[in-house]
PDB file of N, CA and C in Angstrom:
ATOM      1  N   UNK A   1     -73.381  52.064  -7.636  1.00  0.00           N
ATOM      2  CA  UNK A   1     -73.190  50.800  -6.941  1.00  0.00           C
ATOM      3  C   UNK A   1     -74.360  49.877  -7.279  1.00  0.00           C
ATOM      4  N   UNK A   2     -74.039  48.680  -7.714  1.00  0.00           N
ATOM      5  CA  UNK A   2     -75.057  47.709  -8.104  1.00  0.00           C
ATOM      6  C   UNK A   2     -75.291  46.731  -6.963  1.00  0.00           C
ATOM      7  N   UNK A   3     -76.483  46.749  -6.407  1.00  0.00           N
ATOM      8  CA  UNK A   3     -76.795  45.849  -5.295  1.00  0.00           C
ATOM      9  C   UNK A   3     -77.641  44.684  -5.794  1.00  0.00           C
ATOM     10  N   UNK A   4     -77.403  43.538  -5.201  1.00  0.00           N
ATOM     11  CA  UNK A   4     -78.147  42.327  -5.549  1.00  0.00           C
ATOM     12  C   UNK A   4     -79.485  42.348  -4.818  1.00  0.00           C
ATOM     13  N   UNK A   5     -80.580  42.214  -5.548  1.00  0.00           N
ATOM     14  CA  UNK A   5     -81.897  42.157  -4.936  1.00  0.00           C
ATOM     15  C   UNK A   5     -82.248  40.697  -4.687  1.00  0.00           C
ATOM     16  N   UNK A   6     -82.547  40.389  -3.431  1.00  0.00           N
ATOM     17  CA  UNK A   6     -82.841  39.019  -3.049  1.00  0.00           C
ATOM     18  C   UNK A   6     -84.271  38.959  -2.541  1.00  0.00           C
ATOM     19  N   UNK A   7     -85.048  38.073  -3.105  1.00  0.00           N
ATOM     20  CA  UNK A   7     -86.417  37.888  -2.648  1.00  0.00           C
ATOM     21  C   UNK A   7     -86.530  36.551  -1.933  1.00  0.00           C
ATOM     22  N   UNK A   8     -87.088  36.593  -0.741  1.00  0.00           N
ATOM     23  CA  UNK A   8     -87.304  35.377   0.035  1.00  0.00           C
ATOM     24  C   UNK A   8     -88.800  35.253   0.263  1.00  0.00           C
ATOM     25  N   UNK A   9     -89.359  34.127  -0.126  1.00  0.00           N
ATOM     26  CA  UNK A   9     -90.782  33.862   0.070  1.00  0.00           C
ATOM     27  C   UNK A   9     -90.961  33.258   1.460  1.00  0.00           C
ATOM     28  N   UNK A  10     -91.377  34.091   2.418  1.00  0.00           N
ATOM     29  CA  UNK A  10     -91.490  33.615   3.793  1.00  0.00           C
ATOM     30  C   UNK A  10     -92.575  32.559   3.948  1.00  0.00           C
ATOM     31  N   UNK A  11     -93.595  32.604   3.106  1.00  0.00           N
ATOM     32  CA  UNK A  11     -94.633  31.575   3.187  1.00  0.00           C
ATOM     33  C   UNK A  11     -94.073  30.197   2.846  1.00  0.00           C
ATOM     34  N   UNK A  12     -93.179  30.139   1.880  1.00  0.00           N
ATOM     35  CA  UNK A  12     -92.538  28.873   1.533  1.00  0.00           C
ATOM     36  C   UNK A  12     -91.618  28.408   2.665  1.00  0.00           C
ATOM     37  N   UNK A  13     -90.944  29.368   3.304  1.00  0.00           N
ATOM     38  CA  UNK A  13     -90.083  29.035   4.445  1.00  0.00           C
ATOM     39  C   UNK A  13     -90.917  28.445   5.583  1.00  0.00           C
ATOM     40  N   UNK A  14     -92.056  29.068   5.861  1.00  0.00           N
ATOM     41  CA  UNK A  14     -92.939  28.573   6.921  1.00  0.00           C
ATOM     42  C   UNK A  14     -93.439  27.181   6.573  1.00  0.00           C
ATOM     43  N   UNK A  15     -93.771  26.952   5.319  1.00  0.00           N
ATOM     44  CA  UNK A  15     -94.255  25.638   4.897  1.00  0.00           C
ATOM     45  C   UNK A  15     -93.173  24.568   5.097  1.00  0.00           C
ATOM     46  N   UNK A  16     -91.907  24.920   4.896  1.00  0.00           N
ATOM     47  CA  UNK A  16     -90.821  23.959   5.071  1.00  0.00           C
ATOM     48  C   UNK A  16     -90.528  23.673   6.538  1.00  0.00           C
ATOM     49  N   UNK A  17     -90.798  24.631   7.425  1.00  0.00           N
ATOM     50  CA  UNK A  17     -90.471  24.479   8.844  1.00  0.00           C
ATOM     51  C   UNK A  17     -91.686  24.039   9.667  1.00  0.00           C
ATOM     52  N   UNK A  18     -92.819  24.626   9.448  1.00  0.00           N
ATOM     53  CA  UNK A  18     -94.011  24.248  10.209  1.00  0.00           C
ATOM     54  C   UNK A  18     -94.796  25.438  10.719  1.00  0.00           C
ATOM     55  N   UNK A  19     -94.121  26.379  11.372  1.00  0.00           N
ATOM     56  CA  UNK A  19     -94.786  27.604  11.807  1.00  0.00           C
ATOM     57  C   UNK A  19     -93.779  28.746  11.870  1.00  0.00           C
ATOM     58  N   UNK A  20     -94.273  29.972  11.944  1.00  0.00           N
ATOM     59  CA  UNK A  20     -93.407  31.152  11.880  1.00  0.00           C
ATOM     60  C   UNK A  20     -92.432  31.240  13.039  1.00  0.00           C
ATOM     61  N   UNK A  21     -92.879  30.885  14.228  1.00  0.00           N
ATOM     62  CA  UNK A  21     -92.007  30.955  15.401  1.00  0.00           C
ATOM     63  C   UNK A  21     -90.799  30.037  15.219  1.00  0.00           C
ATOM     64  N   UNK A  22     -91.048  28.810  14.812  1.00  0.00           N
ATOM     65  CA  UNK A  22     -89.944  27.868  14.593  1.00  0.00           C
ATOM     66  C   UNK A  22     -89.048  28.311  13.438  1.00  0.00           C
ATOM     67  N   UNK A  23     -89.649  28.927  12.415  1.00  0.00           N
ATOM     68  CA  UNK A  23     -88.852  29.416  11.291  1.00  0.00           C
ATOM     69  C   UNK A  23     -87.864  30.481  11.764  1.00  0.00           C
ATOM     70  N   UNK A  24     -88.315  31.376  12.636  1.00  0.00           N
ATOM     71  CA  UNK A  24     -87.429  32.420  13.157  1.00  0.00           C
ATOM     72  C   UNK A  24     -86.299  31.795  13.970  1.00  0.00           C
ATOM     73  N   UNK A  25     -86.616  30.798  14.784  1.00  0.00           N
ATOM     74  CA  UNK A  25     -85.580  30.135  15.581  1.00  0.00           C
ATOM     75  C   UNK A  25     -84.553  29.435  14.695  1.00  0.00           C
ATOM     76  N   UNK A  26     -85.018  28.717  13.696  1.00  0.00           N
ATOM     77  CA  UNK A  26     -84.112  28.000  12.791  1.00  0.00           C
ATOM     78  C   UNK A  26     -83.247  28.991  12.018  1.00  0.00           C
ATOM     79  N   UNK A  27     -83.861  30.052  11.508  1.00  0.00           N
ATOM     80  CA  UNK A  27     -83.104  31.051  10.760  1.00  0.00           C
ATOM     81  C   UNK A  27     -82.047  31.713  11.644  1.00  0.00           C
ATOM     82  N   UNK A  28     -82.384  31.950  12.899  1.00  0.00           N
ATOM     83  CA  UNK A  28     -81.447  32.562  13.839  1.00  0.00           C
ATOM     84  C   UNK A  28     -80.250  31.644  14.095  1.00  0.00           C
ATOM     85  N   UNK A  29     -80.522  30.377  14.339  1.00  0.00           N
ATOM     86  CA  UNK A  29     -79.443  29.414  14.581  1.00  0.00           C
ATOM     87  C   UNK A  29     -78.528  29.330  13.373  1.00  0.00           C
ATOM     88  N   UNK A  30     -79.121  29.210  12.197  1.00  0.00           N
ATOM     89  CA  UNK A  30     -78.328  29.070  10.977  1.00  0.00           C
ATOM     90  C   UNK A  30     -77.560  30.357  10.663  1.00  0.00           C
ATOM     91  N   UNK A  31     -78.173  31.529  10.874  1.00  0.00           N
ATOM     92  CA  UNK A  31     -77.495  32.798  10.620  1.00  0.00           C
ATOM     93  C   UNK A  31     -76.275  32.947  11.520  1.00  0.00           C
ATOM     94  N   UNK A  32     -76.386  32.513  12.762  1.00  0.00           N
ATOM     95  CA  UNK A  32     -75.233  32.563  13.669  1.00  0.00           C
ATOM     96  C   UNK A  32     -74.106  31.660  13.172  1.00  0.00           C
ATOM     97  N   UNK A  33     -74.476  30.485  12.674  1.00  0.00           N
ATOM     98  CA  UNK A  33     -73.463  29.581  12.122  1.00  0.00           C
ATOM     99  C   UNK A  33     -72.761  30.218  10.922  1.00  0.00           C
ATOM    100  N   UNK A  34     -73.553  30.818  10.041  1.00  0.00           N
ATOM    101  CA  UNK A  34     -72.981  31.456   8.856  1.00  0.00           C
ATOM    102  C   UNK A  34     -72.075  32.618   9.250  1.00  0.00           C
ATOM    103  N   UNK A  35     -72.481  33.359  10.242  1.00  0.00           N
ATOM    104  CA  UNK A  35     -71.671  34.492  10.699  1.00  0.00           C
ATOM    105  C   UNK A  35     -70.337  34.023  11.283  1.00  0.00           C
ATOM    106  N   UNK A  36     -70.330  32.824  11.879  1.00  0.00           N
ATOM    107  CA  UNK A  36     -69.097  32.256  12.433  1.00  0.00           C
ATOM    108  C   UNK A  36     -68.193  31.638  11.368  1.00  0.00           C
ATOM    109  N   UNK A  37     -68.671  31.583  10.122  1.00  0.00           N
ATOM    110  CA  UNK A  37     -67.808  31.095   9.052  1.00  0.00           C
ATOM    111  C   UNK A  37     -68.231  29.802   8.386  1.00  0.00           C
ATOM    112  N   UNK A  38     -69.381  29.241   8.755  1.00  0.00           N
ATOM    113  CA  UNK A  38     -69.858  28.031   8.081  1.00  0.00           C
ATOM    114  C   UNK A  38     -70.165  28.351   6.620  1.00  0.00           C
ATOM    115  N   UNK A  39     -70.019  27.364   5.775  1.00  0.00           N
ATOM    116  CA  UNK A  39     -70.252  27.544   4.346  1.00  0.00           C
ATOM    117  C   UNK A  39     -71.749  27.529   4.035  1.00  0.00           C
ATOM    118  N   UNK A  40     -72.240  28.528   3.298  1.00  0.00           N
ATOM    119  CA  UNK A  40     -73.658  28.540   2.912  1.00  0.00           C
ATOM    120  C   UNK A  40     -73.985  27.361   1.996  1.00  0.00           C
ATOM    121  N   UNK A  41     -75.200  26.855   2.113  1.00  0.00           N
ATOM    122  CA  UNK A  41     -75.634  25.724   1.290  1.00  0.00           C
ATOM    123  C   UNK A  41     -76.301  26.180  -0.005  1.00  0.00           C
ATOM    124  N   UNK A  42     -76.384  27.489  -0.214  1.00  0.00           N
ATOM    125  CA  UNK A  42     -76.885  28.067  -1.457  1.00  0.00           C
ATOM    126  C   UNK A  42     -75.871  29.093  -1.939  1.00  0.00           C
ATOM    127  N   UNK A  43     -75.822  29.297  -3.229  1.00  0.00           N
ATOM    128  CA  UNK A  43     -74.911  30.306  -3.778  1.00  0.00           C
ATOM    129  C   UNK A  43     -75.504  31.683  -3.536  1.00  0.00           C
ATOM    130  N   UNK A  44     -74.856  32.473  -2.691  1.00  0.00           N
ATOM    131  CA  UNK A  44     -75.361  33.793  -2.357  1.00  0.00           C
ATOM    132  C   UNK A  44     -74.237  34.685  -1.874  1.00  0.00           C
ATOM    133  N   UNK A  45     -74.449  35.980  -2.016  1.00  0.00           N
ATOM    134  CA  UNK A  45     -73.535  36.971  -1.454  1.00  0.00           C
ATOM    135  C   UNK A  45     -74.264  37.815  -0.421  1.00  0.00           C
ATOM    136  N   UNK A  46     -75.404  37.323   0.030  1.00  0.00           N
ATOM    137  CA  UNK A  46     -76.243  38.050   0.971  1.00  0.00           C
ATOM    138  C   UNK A  46     -75.699  37.950   2.385  1.00  0.00           C
ATOM    139  N   UNK A  47     -76.261  38.751   3.252  1.00  0.00           N
ATOM    140  CA  UNK A  47     -75.902  38.708   4.667  1.00  0.00           C
ATOM    141  C   UNK A  47     -76.405  37.402   5.272  1.00  0.00           C
ATOM    142  N   UNK A  48     -75.878  37.009   6.434  1.00  0.00           N
ATOM    143  CA  UNK A  48     -76.212  35.702   7.026  1.00  0.00           C
ATOM    144  C   UNK A  48     -77.705  35.438   7.236  1.00  0.00           C
ATOM    145  N   UNK A  49     -78.474  36.425   7.647  1.00  0.00           N
ATOM    146  CA  UNK A  49     -79.905  36.192   7.892  1.00  0.00           C
ATOM    147  C   UNK A  49     -80.626  35.868   6.590  1.00  0.00           C
ATOM    148  N   UNK A  50     -80.340  36.616   5.544  1.00  0.00           N
ATOM    149  CA  UNK A  50     -80.982  36.370   4.247  1.00  0.00           C
ATOM    150  C   UNK A  50     -80.525  35.030   3.685  1.00  0.00           C
ATOM    151  N   UNK A  51     -79.241  34.729   3.829  1.00  0.00           N
ATOM    152  CA  UNK A  51     -78.724  33.446   3.352  1.00  0.00           C
ATOM    153  C   UNK A  51     -79.405  32.287   4.082  1.00  0.00           C
ATOM    154  N   UNK A  52     -79.619  32.434   5.387  1.00  0.00           N
ATOM    155  CA  UNK A  52     -80.298  31.387   6.167  1.00  0.00           C
ATOM    156  C   UNK A  52     -81.726  31.188   5.660  1.00  0.00           C
ATOM    157  N   UNK A  53     -82.429  32.277   5.401  1.00  0.00           N
ATOM    158  CA  UNK A  53     -83.796  32.163   4.877  1.00  0.00           C
ATOM    159  C   UNK A  53     -83.811  31.544   3.482  1.00  0.00           C
ATOM    160  N   UNK A  54     -82.812  31.855   2.670  1.00  0.00           N
ATOM    161  CA  UNK A  54     -82.722  31.243   1.341  1.00  0.00           C
ATOM    162  C   UNK A  54     -82.494  29.737   1.457  1.00  0.00           C
ATOM    163  N   UNK A  55     -81.688  29.319   2.416  1.00  0.00           N
ATOM    164  CA  UNK A  55     -81.444  27.896   2.631  1.00  0.00           C
ATOM    165  C   UNK A  55     -82.718  27.185   3.078  1.00  0.00           C
ATOM    166  N   UNK A  56     -83.478  27.834   3.950  1.00  0.00           N
ATOM    167  CA  UNK A  56     -84.754  27.258   4.401  1.00  0.00           C
ATOM    168  C   UNK A  56     -85.712  27.156   3.219  1.00  0.00           C
ATOM    169  N   UNK A  57     -85.801  28.209   2.454  1.00  0.00           N
ATOM    170  CA  UNK A  57     -86.706  28.238   1.301  1.00  0.00           C
ATOM    171  C   UNK A  57     -86.344  27.143   0.298  1.00  0.00           C
ATOM    172  N   UNK A  58     -85.052  26.906   0.096  1.00  0.00           N
ATOM    173  CA  UNK A  58     -84.605  25.891  -0.861  1.00  0.00           C
ATOM    174  C   UNK A  58     -84.741  24.470  -0.315  1.00  0.00           C
ATOM    175  N   UNK A  59     -85.018  24.340   0.982  1.00  0.00           N
ATOM    176  CA  UNK A  59     -85.193  23.016   1.568  1.00  0.00           C
ATOM    177  C   UNK A  59     -83.912  22.397   2.095  1.00  0.00           C
ATOM    178  N   UNK A  60     -82.819  23.149   2.129  1.00  0.00           N
ATOM    179  CA  UNK A  60     -81.547  22.626   2.626  1.00  0.00           C
ATOM    180  C   UNK A  60     -81.507  22.585   4.157  1.00  0.00           C
ATOM    181  N   UNK A  61     -82.272  23.439   4.792  1.00  0.00           N
ATOM    182  CA  UNK A  61     -82.328  23.522   6.248  1.00  0.00           C
ATOM    183  C   UNK A  61     -83.773  23.266   6.656  1.00  0.00           C
ATOM    184  N   UNK A  62     -83.955  22.427   7.659  1.00  0.00           N
ATOM    185  CA  UNK A  62     -85.313  22.084   8.073  1.00  0.00           C
ATOM    186  C   UNK A  62     -85.517  22.184   9.565  1.00  0.00           C
ATOM    187  N   UNK A  63     -86.612  21.638  10.000  1.00  0.00           N
ATOM    188  CA  UNK A  63     -87.017  21.690  11.403  1.00  0.00           C
ATOM    189  C   UNK A  63     -86.019  20.986  12.327  1.00  0.00           C
ATOM    190  N   UNK A  64     -85.228  20.072  11.798  1.00  0.00           N
ATOM    191  CA  UNK A  64     -84.259  19.344  12.623  1.00  0.00           C
ATOM    192  C   UNK A  64     -83.205  20.263  13.248  1.00  0.00           C
ATOM    193  N   UNK A  65     -83.060  21.471  12.731  1.00  0.00           N
ATOM    194  CA  UNK A  65     -82.136  22.428  13.326  1.00  0.00           C
ATOM    195  C   UNK A  65     -82.548  22.840  14.737  1.00  0.00           C
ATOM    196  N   UNK A  66     -83.812  22.656  15.075  1.00  0.00           N
ATOM    197  CA  UNK A  66     -84.278  22.991  16.426  1.00  0.00           C
ATOM    198  C   UNK A  66     -83.650  22.084  17.460  1.00  0.00           C
ATOM    199  N   UNK A  67     -83.189  20.911  17.061  1.00  0.00           N
ATOM    200  CA  UNK A  67     -82.541  19.981  18.003  1.00  0.00           C
ATOM    201  C   UNK A  67     -81.235  20.559  18.526  1.00  0.00           C
ATOM    202  N   UNK A  68     -80.669  21.524  17.835  1.00  0.00           N
ATOM    203  CA  UNK A  68     -79.409  22.131  18.265  1.00  0.00           C
ATOM    204  C   UNK A  68     -79.570  23.000  19.500  1.00  0.00           C
ATOM    205  N   UNK A  69     -80.794  23.444  19.799  1.00  0.00           N
ATOM    206  CA  UNK A  69     -80.979  24.319  20.964  1.00  0.00           C
ATOM    207  C   UNK A  69     -81.532  23.577  22.175  1.00  0.00           C
ATOM    208  N   UNK A  70     -81.822  22.309  22.016  1.00  0.00           N
ATOM    209  CA  UNK A  70     -82.357  21.562  23.165  1.00  0.00           C
ATOM    210  C   UNK A  70     -81.299  20.638  23.743  1.00  0.00           C
TER     211      UNK A  70
END
């Protein structure tokens, strides 16, 4: 079985969001959306959490996602 190896640079994700706590919140919100069937903004076959981190790393998802929980 050939598995896809995905590397996510968490330091780059933190730089795009601001701090680690907010990065976890944003990734959680986005992963839930992906799990419900939203279309990923990056080409990936990864699970929702990894896909969310890839989107943050690529700059497609930012700190504005925190507005969804307030």
